[in-house]
Every structure is written in C-alpha cells, then in structure tokens.
Amino acid sequence: MEIRPYKPGKSALTGITDVIKLSSNEGALGPSPMAVEAFRGQGDELHRYPDGEATSLREAIGRRYNLDPSRIICGAGSDELFYNLARAYAGPGDEILYSQHGFNIYPIVAHSVGATPVTAPEKNLIFDVDAILDSVNSRTRIVFIANPNNPTGSYISGDELRRLRQGLSEGILLVVDGAYAEYVNRSDYEDGVTLVDGSENTVMTRTFSKIYGLGALRVGWGYCPTKIIDVLNRLRAPFNITAPSQAAAIAAINDTEHVLLSQEHNRHWLSWLSDQVQAHSNSGLKVYPSVGNFILVQFPDFPGRRASDANSFLARRGIIPRETTGYGLPDCLRITIGKEGEVKYLATAISDFVFSWGKSVK
C-alpha cells in the first residue's frame, strides 16, 4: 500500500478534441511504415502463440547493436525487466538506490518486492556519482541510473558511468536504463555495453517506445551477463511479447533510414525549441540542457507565472505538457519534442504566456 501508482502523461483535455500531446515523450515521427506494415501482416495469425523466446527479435537487436543474442532478453517494455530484476535480486530489508529525480518507476519497483527505495541528491539536476556512492550501505542491492534521465534530460559521461560501476561492490546490481540512448549526440556518452561485458552485475536496458515509435506495443530489451539472463528467463511471463509486437519491432530496428530521420528531426527541433524558450530567461524561464527528446522548463515562483499557471494556459491552447510535481519538480514542465508544426505552435504559446504578464521580453 506504500506504492504510489504510476501516472502517465495526460492524453486528453475536456472540451478539446484536437490536442497536441507533448506529455509522454513519444517519437515525433511515429513508427516506421515498415513496422506498421509488419504489424498488420500478423492479422491472419492471431490465433497462434508468439515465439516465447523472441528469437528473431533478439537476433535483429543483436545485428543492429553488435551484441550476442543469447545475452539479450525482451520484455513488455523495459519496465517488465525492472520488475523482474527487483524480484530476483532484492526483497524485504534491502534497499534500491536511484537519483533524486530519477524515473518514477524505480520506487514502485522497490516497493513491489518489499524493498526500500532510497534517493541520492543530484547536482543541478544531474546524476551525482559521489552522492550515490555515499548512499550505498550493506543493504543496497540495486542501483538504477536512467542515462539520459527522465524527466531532466541530463546525462553523465562514460567516464562517470565507469566510475560509478567501479565504486560499487560486485554484490550490487547496476541497471543502466537507456530508454533515450538513441537520441544522444555527445561524444563522451556511453550506453553501458562495455560495463555489461566487463562485469557480472551490470545490466543495460533499452526500449522500442521512444525513437522507434512503438509505445503502444510495449517492447523493451536488456543486455545482461549470462547468469542474469538465466534468472530473468525463469521469471518472465510466458509469451510476454505478442507476435505483432515482435514483427513490428524487427521491422522498426531494420529501418535505419527512419531512425536517422527521427534523430535528425529531434536534434534540430530540440535545439530550436530550447533556444526559443531560453529567450525568455530575463522573465524567469529556464531550460535545462537535454539530450533526450524533451526539454524541462522551470517557471518563476510567482503567482500567475508558475508552472501550474503555464500548464493551464497551454491546456487552453490544446497543448498537453507533462507536470513534474510527482518528480519533486513542481516548478517545472516537461515538454516532448513533437512535429514541426507542434513545436512552433508551442513556442508561440509560451511566448504568449510570458507576454500575458505585461512585461517586455527579448
């Protein structure tokens, strides 16, 4: 009963039929046309059970990322992998550690197995390796890091990630959540593969819900040491990935052109929108640097100008951002990078919100 149910981003507004949903970090360009065709192609086979081991999907992932398919496991979203890792390696009396503004699923996962969720402070909304290591004790069993992090958009370098692993004992499982890894365009970023290869207690997870645009199908995967793969295969539900989902995911990961288009779209409009909002910095708005497909905007703590006021203003324009009070950031809104027209409309709406204060801005 200590679990606070996860609240997804809103997708509807009362009285408004044509909304711009920028609350769930869904891929702006949607799924690959090849993935849609593959999904529809399963229509005549719905009476057949799927491949319980997702063999072809794991092989496709292995080819794309140059990984051993036998060390890949697929789940109903990466969330299922988090739950099963906690079931396997933590329980009552244990602690699961993550950063102050980390993904909201982590405390739910901890409570679900009777473990205690513990947060470590961040520096400027960035994962602090030293703070995490200072928070480790004899009860720590799992450390989660979302890299990049949701909802802040921040990340730590490969050097810092390695320092984190080196500072943890081999008895502590490190889970590197790379849901937004495909969006990152930084030379010092590392996805965690080398850490998995060099440790018996590191797992890297990824998802098809973001850049691949398959959020509705719930497909995630993890790259793990052999012993952890064995444990997870004992715990996962039979037939946990539907046949249409597997087919669509295989097509999506093979459509590299669509992925490149999605990356370029995000790279351009992430920068553009960040600049547009940051232009209002003299009025108290702040955009935190992001390497994901979203930005985190901080609003002034002043009546009529707060994040809650901005949220209401945008809702009247038919725009749905993500409130971040549940992440301990009540003065912020997280805003997904949408299509070109959506991004431009949002930028205009934020400018109108600022101008409504009766102040001149740059």
Protein backbone atom coordinates (compact mmCIF):
# COMPACT_ATOMS: atom_id res chain seq x y z
CA MET A 1 0.00 0.00 0.00
CA GLU A 2 3.03 2.29 0.03
CA ILE A 3 3.10 2.23 -3.76
CA ARG A 4 2.01 5.43 -5.45
CA PRO A 5 0.50 4.25 -8.74
CA TYR A 6 2.37 5.46 -11.80
CA LYS A 7 0.56 8.31 -13.53
CA PRO A 8 1.23 8.51 -17.25
CA GLY A 9 1.15 11.78 -19.15
CA LYS A 10 -2.31 13.09 -19.95
CA SER A 11 -3.64 12.45 -23.43
CA ALA A 12 -6.96 14.31 -23.40
CA LEU A 13 -8.40 17.71 -22.45
CA THR A 14 -12.03 18.26 -21.52
CA GLY A 15 -13.89 20.05 -24.29
CA ILE A 16 -10.98 19.96 -26.75
CA THR A 17 -10.92 17.30 -29.44
CA ASP A 18 -7.80 18.26 -31.38
CA VAL A 19 -4.99 18.21 -28.80
CA ILE A 20 -1.24 18.40 -29.13
CA LYS A 21 0.08 15.71 -26.81
CA LEU A 22 3.58 16.55 -25.63
CA SER A 23 3.37 14.72 -22.32
CA SER A 24 4.74 11.22 -22.94
CA ASN A 25 7.99 11.62 -24.92
CA GLU A 26 6.56 9.65 -27.81
CA GLY A 27 8.55 9.64 -31.05
CA ALA A 28 7.62 12.72 -33.06
CA LEU A 29 7.66 10.97 -36.44
CA GLY A 30 5.74 7.93 -35.23
CA PRO A 31 6.61 4.35 -36.19
CA SER A 32 8.39 3.25 -39.32
CA PRO A 33 5.96 2.50 -42.18
CA MET A 34 7.72 -0.87 -42.40
CA ALA A 35 6.80 -1.54 -38.75
CA VAL A 36 3.16 -0.66 -39.38
CA GLU A 37 3.06 -3.00 -42.37
CA ALA A 38 4.69 -5.81 -40.38
CA PHE A 39 2.18 -5.33 -37.56
CA ARG A 40 -0.78 -5.51 -39.93
CA GLY A 41 0.71 -8.57 -41.60
CA GLN A 42 0.13 -10.58 -38.43
CA GLY A 43 -3.65 -10.25 -38.69
CA ASP A 44 -4.25 -13.74 -40.05
CA GLU A 45 -2.09 -15.38 -37.38
CA LEU A 46 -3.72 -14.01 -34.23
CA HIS A 47 -4.76 -17.48 -33.15
CA ARG A 48 -1.11 -18.55 -32.86
CA TYR A 49 1.01 -18.07 -29.76
CA PRO A 50 4.11 -15.94 -30.29
CA ASP A 51 7.67 -17.17 -30.03
CA GLY A 52 8.13 -17.16 -26.26
CA GLU A 53 11.87 -16.57 -26.59
CA ALA A 54 11.51 -13.74 -29.14
CA THR A 55 14.32 -15.40 -31.10
CA SER A 56 14.10 -13.40 -34.33
CA LEU A 57 13.71 -10.14 -32.44
CA ARG A 58 16.75 -10.83 -30.27
CA GLU A 59 18.74 -11.70 -33.37
CA ALA A 60 17.68 -8.45 -35.04
CA ILE A 61 18.70 -6.47 -31.96
CA GLY A 62 22.00 -8.33 -31.87
CA ARG A 63 22.73 -7.47 -35.50
CA ARG A 64 21.81 -3.81 -35.04
CA TYR A 65 23.93 -3.27 -31.93
CA ASN A 66 26.59 -5.96 -32.50
CA LEU A 67 25.58 -7.92 -29.41
CA ASP A 68 25.29 -11.63 -28.61
CA PRO A 69 21.56 -12.51 -28.96
CA SER A 70 21.90 -15.15 -26.23
CA ARG A 71 22.61 -12.33 -23.77
CA ILE A 72 19.58 -10.29 -24.82
CA ILE A 73 16.19 -10.59 -23.15
CA CYS A 74 12.97 -8.95 -24.28
CA GLY A 75 10.21 -7.67 -22.05
CA ALA A 76 6.83 -5.98 -22.15
CA GLY A 77 8.56 -2.63 -22.12
CA SER A 78 11.78 -2.19 -20.17
CA ASP A 79 9.53 -1.80 -17.11
CA GLU A 80 8.96 -5.57 -17.02
CA LEU A 81 12.70 -6.09 -16.87
CA PHE A 82 12.99 -3.68 -13.93
CA TYR A 83 10.30 -5.57 -12.02
CA ASN A 84 11.91 -8.94 -12.66
CA LEU A 85 15.38 -7.70 -11.71
CA ALA A 86 13.95 -6.49 -8.41
CA ARG A 87 12.14 -9.80 -7.89
CA ALA A 88 15.40 -11.62 -8.47
CA TYR A 89 17.85 -9.51 -6.51
CA ALA A 90 16.04 -7.52 -3.81
CA GLY A 91 13.42 -8.03 -1.14
CA PRO A 92 12.32 -7.02 2.37
CA GLY A 93 15.14 -5.38 4.30
CA ASP A 94 17.05 -4.48 1.12
CA GLU A 95 17.43 -1.07 -0.49
CA ILE A 96 17.14 0.04 -4.12
CA LEU A 97 19.04 3.24 -4.84
CA TYR A 98 18.48 5.86 -7.53
CA SER A 99 18.91 9.60 -8.04
CA GLN A 100 16.65 12.28 -6.59
CA HIS A 101 14.71 13.00 -9.77
CA GLY A 102 15.01 9.57 -11.35
CA PHE A 103 12.31 7.71 -13.25
CA ASN A 104 9.16 7.24 -11.15
CA ILE A 105 9.01 3.51 -11.85
CA TYR A 106 12.08 2.83 -9.68
CA PRO A 107 10.40 3.39 -6.27
CA ILE A 108 7.36 1.43 -7.44
CA VAL A 109 9.61 -1.47 -8.40
CA ALA A 110 11.29 -1.34 -4.98
CA HIS A 111 8.03 -1.32 -3.03
CA SER A 112 6.63 -4.15 -5.19
CA VAL A 113 9.19 -6.57 -3.70
CA GLY A 114 9.14 -5.12 -0.19
CA ALA A 115 12.48 -3.32 -0.59
CA THR A 116 13.07 0.27 0.48
CA PRO A 117 13.56 2.91 -2.25
CA VAL A 118 16.36 5.35 -1.43
CA THR A 119 17.21 8.52 -3.33
CA ALA A 120 20.54 10.35 -3.51
CA PRO A 121 20.72 14.09 -4.22
CA GLU A 122 21.62 15.44 -7.64
CA LYS A 123 23.79 18.39 -8.68
CA ASN A 124 21.92 20.84 -10.91
CA LEU A 125 19.51 18.04 -11.83
CA ILE A 126 22.37 15.78 -12.92
CA PHE A 127 23.07 12.30 -11.51
CA ASP A 128 25.78 12.67 -8.84
CA VAL A 129 28.05 9.63 -8.72
CA ASP A 130 29.62 10.66 -5.41
CA ALA A 131 26.23 11.15 -3.77
CA ILE A 132 25.13 7.71 -4.93
CA LEU A 133 28.30 6.05 -3.64
CA ASP A 134 27.92 7.87 -0.32
CA SER A 135 24.39 6.46 -0.03
CA VAL A 136 25.44 2.84 -0.51
CA ASN A 137 25.37 0.61 2.55
CA SER A 138 25.22 -3.08 3.41
CA ARG A 139 21.52 -3.20 2.46
CA THR A 140 21.95 -1.79 -1.06
CA ARG A 141 21.14 -4.41 -3.68
CA ILE A 142 20.35 -2.48 -6.87
CA VAL A 143 21.33 0.93 -8.25
CA PHE A 144 19.22 2.34 -11.09
CA ILE A 145 20.50 5.06 -13.39
CA ALA A 146 18.50 6.46 -16.28
CA ASN A 147 21.10 7.77 -18.69
CA PRO A 148 19.81 10.07 -20.16
CA ASN A 149 17.47 10.78 -17.29
CA ASN A 150 13.73 11.31 -17.43
CA PRO A 151 12.42 13.96 -16.70
CA THR A 152 15.54 16.15 -16.51
CA GLY A 153 17.11 15.28 -19.89
CA SER A 154 20.57 15.23 -18.31
CA TYR A 155 23.22 12.53 -18.63
CA ILE A 156 26.60 11.51 -17.24
CA SER A 157 29.65 10.71 -19.35
CA GLY A 158 31.11 7.29 -19.98
CA ASP A 159 33.94 8.08 -17.58
CA GLU A 160 31.47 8.89 -14.80
CA LEU A 161 29.43 5.78 -15.56
CA ARG A 162 32.53 3.64 -15.28
CA ARG A 163 33.48 5.38 -12.04
CA LEU A 164 30.04 4.52 -10.69
CA ARG A 165 30.47 0.83 -11.52
CA GLN A 166 33.98 0.75 -10.07
CA GLY A 167 32.75 2.33 -6.86
CA LEU A 168 30.07 -0.33 -6.34
CA SER A 169 30.87 -3.74 -4.98
CA GLU A 170 30.24 -6.73 -7.25
CA GLY A 171 27.41 -7.65 -4.91
CA ILE A 172 25.39 -4.65 -6.12
CA LEU A 173 23.49 -4.82 -9.40
CA LEU A 174 23.82 -1.72 -11.58
CA VAL A 175 20.96 -1.18 -14.03
CA VAL A 176 21.66 1.33 -16.81
CA ASP A 177 18.31 2.45 -18.23
CA GLY A 178 18.99 3.72 -21.76
CA ALA A 179 15.44 4.43 -22.93
CA TYR A 180 16.59 7.63 -24.65
CA ALA A 181 20.06 6.48 -25.69
CA GLU A 182 19.35 6.65 -29.43
CA TYR A 183 18.72 10.39 -29.18
CA VAL A 184 22.06 11.25 -27.58
CA ASN A 185 24.52 13.17 -29.73
CA ARG A 186 27.51 13.55 -27.39
CA SER A 187 30.99 12.16 -27.95
CA ASP A 188 31.52 11.34 -24.26
CA TYR A 189 28.33 9.31 -23.91
CA GLU A 190 28.46 5.56 -23.31
CA ASP A 191 25.43 3.30 -23.37
CA GLY A 192 26.70 0.72 -20.87
CA VAL A 193 27.56 -2.19 -23.17
CA THR A 194 31.23 -2.28 -22.15
CA LEU A 195 30.21 -2.26 -18.49
CA VAL A 196 27.95 -5.26 -19.05
CA ASP A 197 30.77 -7.08 -20.81
CA GLY A 198 33.21 -6.28 -18.02
CA SER A 199 31.01 -7.11 -15.02
CA GLU A 200 28.86 -9.93 -13.73
CA ASN A 201 26.42 -7.47 -12.14
CA THR A 202 25.57 -4.80 -14.72
CA VAL A 203 22.52 -4.73 -16.98
CA MET A 204 21.67 -2.30 -19.78
CA THR A 205 18.05 -1.82 -20.84
CA ARG A 206 16.52 -0.18 -23.89
CA THR A 207 13.05 0.34 -25.32
CA PHE A 208 11.16 0.47 -28.61
CA SER A 209 8.75 3.03 -27.14
CA LYS A 210 10.77 6.17 -27.91
CA ILE A 211 12.77 6.64 -31.10
CA TYR A 212 11.21 3.54 -32.70
CA GLY A 213 7.71 4.87 -32.05
CA LEU A 214 6.18 1.65 -30.75
CA GLY A 215 4.92 2.77 -27.35
CA ALA A 216 1.55 1.11 -27.89
CA LEU A 217 3.15 -2.31 -28.36
CA ARG A 218 5.24 -2.40 -25.15
CA VAL A 219 8.56 -3.84 -26.28
CA GLY A 220 11.77 -3.43 -24.31
CA TRP A 221 15.01 -5.35 -24.12
CA GLY A 222 18.03 -5.83 -21.93
CA TYR A 223 21.65 -6.83 -22.45
CA CYS A 224 22.93 -8.85 -19.50
CA PRO A 225 25.59 -11.21 -18.20
CA THR A 226 24.75 -14.84 -18.92
CA LYS A 227 23.83 -15.70 -15.33
CA ILE A 228 21.38 -12.81 -15.10
CA ILE A 229 19.81 -13.80 -18.43
CA ASP A 230 19.23 -17.25 -16.97
CA VAL A 231 17.50 -15.80 -13.92
CA LEU A 232 15.33 -13.39 -15.92
CA ASN A 233 14.22 -16.14 -18.29
CA ARG A 234 13.00 -18.10 -15.27
CA LEU A 235 10.98 -15.12 -14.02
CA ARG A 236 9.50 -13.60 -17.16
CA ALA A 237 5.94 -14.39 -18.13
CA PRO A 238 5.49 -16.93 -20.94
CA PHE A 239 4.80 -15.32 -24.32
CA ASN A 240 5.42 -11.86 -22.84
CA ILE A 241 5.87 -10.18 -26.24
CA THR A 242 3.00 -10.56 -28.68
CA ALA A 243 3.66 -11.77 -32.23
CA PRO A 244 2.53 -8.49 -33.85
CA SER A 245 4.78 -6.58 -31.45
CA GLN A 246 7.77 -8.76 -32.30
CA ALA A 247 7.15 -8.37 -36.03
CA ALA A 248 6.80 -4.59 -35.79
CA ALA A 249 9.90 -4.26 -33.60
CA ILE A 250 12.01 -6.30 -36.05
CA ALA A 251 10.88 -4.11 -38.93
CA ALA A 252 11.46 -0.93 -36.92
CA ILE A 253 15.01 -1.79 -35.93
CA ASN A 254 15.83 -2.71 -39.53
CA ASP A 255 14.53 0.60 -40.90
CA THR A 256 17.69 2.57 -40.20
CA GLU A 257 16.62 5.39 -42.53
CA HIS A 258 13.56 6.13 -40.38
CA VAL A 259 15.72 6.13 -37.24
CA LEU A 260 18.15 8.58 -38.83
CA LEU A 261 15.27 10.86 -39.83
CA SER A 262 13.95 10.73 -36.27
CA GLN A 263 17.36 11.55 -34.84
CA GLU A 264 17.87 14.49 -37.18
CA HIS A 265 14.37 15.82 -36.51
CA ASN A 266 14.96 15.68 -32.78
CA ARG A 267 18.43 17.20 -33.00
CA HIS A 268 17.14 20.21 -34.91
CA TRP A 269 13.94 20.92 -33.02
CA LEU A 270 15.35 20.17 -29.57
CA SER A 271 17.94 22.89 -30.14
CA TRP A 272 15.44 25.25 -31.74
CA LEU A 273 12.83 24.94 -29.00
CA SER A 274 15.43 25.23 -26.24
CA ASP A 275 16.64 28.50 -27.77
CA GLN A 276 13.11 29.83 -28.20
CA VAL A 277 12.17 29.21 -24.58
CA GLN A 278 15.53 30.30 -23.20
CA ALA A 279 15.00 33.64 -24.97
CA HIS A 280 12.57 34.37 -22.12
CA SER A 281 15.23 33.85 -19.45
CA ASN A 282 15.02 37.52 -18.44
CA SER A 283 11.44 36.78 -17.42
CA GLY A 284 12.49 33.90 -15.21
CA LEU A 285 12.14 30.89 -17.52
CA LYS A 286 14.96 28.36 -17.56
CA VAL A 287 15.56 25.45 -19.91
CA TYR A 288 17.74 22.66 -18.56
CA PRO A 289 20.15 21.13 -21.11
CA SER A 290 18.66 17.95 -22.57
CA VAL A 291 20.00 15.12 -24.72
CA GLY A 292 16.64 13.33 -24.91
CA ASN A 293 13.55 14.08 -26.98
CA PHE A 294 12.14 16.57 -24.50
CA ILE A 295 13.01 19.68 -22.54
CA LEU A 296 12.48 20.55 -18.89
CA VAL A 297 11.35 24.14 -18.38
CA GLN A 298 11.46 25.85 -14.99
CA PHE A 299 8.99 28.68 -14.32
CA PRO A 300 9.15 31.54 -11.79
CA ASP A 301 7.74 31.03 -8.32
CA PHE A 302 5.32 33.93 -8.64
CA PRO A 303 1.50 33.96 -8.80
CA GLY A 304 0.27 33.81 -12.37
CA ARG A 305 3.67 32.73 -13.70
CA ARG A 306 4.16 29.35 -12.07
CA ALA A 307 4.38 26.02 -13.86
CA SER A 308 0.79 25.26 -12.89
CA ASP A 309 -0.32 28.54 -14.48
CA ALA A 310 1.64 27.73 -17.64
CA ASN A 311 0.08 24.27 -17.72
CA SER A 312 -3.42 25.75 -17.57
CA PHE A 313 -2.57 28.36 -20.21
CA LEU A 314 -1.20 25.73 -22.58
CA ALA A 315 -4.21 23.49 -21.97
CA ARG A 316 -6.48 26.28 -23.19
CA ARG A 317 -4.44 26.24 -26.39
CA GLY A 318 -4.92 22.47 -26.66
CA ILE A 319 -1.35 21.64 -25.63
CA ILE A 320 -0.58 18.94 -23.07
CA PRO A 321 2.88 19.07 -21.43
CA ARG A 322 3.89 16.85 -18.52
CA GLU A 323 3.58 18.12 -14.97
CA THR A 324 6.59 17.08 -12.89
CA THR A 325 5.35 17.60 -9.35
CA GLY A 326 5.50 13.84 -8.88
CA TYR A 327 9.22 14.02 -9.63
CA GLY A 328 9.80 16.64 -6.94
CA LEU A 329 9.91 19.41 -9.54
CA PRO A 330 6.66 21.36 -9.02
CA ASP A 331 8.08 24.48 -10.66
CA CYS A 332 8.77 22.71 -13.96
CA LEU A 333 7.03 21.27 -17.01
CA ARG A 334 8.49 18.56 -19.23
CA ILE A 335 7.71 19.10 -22.90
CA THR A 336 8.20 16.49 -25.63
CA ILE A 337 9.68 17.45 -28.99
CA GLY A 338 6.76 16.95 -31.36
CA LYS A 339 6.28 17.53 -35.07
CA GLU A 340 7.50 20.78 -36.63
CA GLY A 341 4.11 22.48 -36.52
CA GLU A 342 3.52 21.35 -32.95
CA VAL A 343 6.89 22.66 -31.77
CA LYS A 344 6.35 26.04 -33.43
CA TYR A 345 2.81 26.34 -32.04
CA LEU A 346 4.09 25.50 -28.57
CA ALA A 347 6.87 28.13 -28.78
CA THR A 348 4.30 30.75 -29.75
CA ALA A 349 2.03 29.72 -26.88
CA ILE A 350 4.86 30.02 -24.34
CA SER A 351 5.72 33.46 -25.71
CA ASP A 352 2.07 34.47 -25.39
CA PHE A 353 2.07 33.19 -21.82
CA VAL A 354 5.08 35.33 -20.96
CA PHE A 355 3.70 38.40 -22.74
CA SER A 356 0.46 37.98 -20.81
CA TRP A 357 2.37 39.02 -17.71
CA GLY A 358 2.55 42.52 -19.11
CA LYS A 359 6.36 42.50 -19.30
CA SER A 360 8.63 43.10 -22.28
CA VAL A 361 10.85 40.22 -23.25
CA LYS A 362 13.65 39.76 -25.70
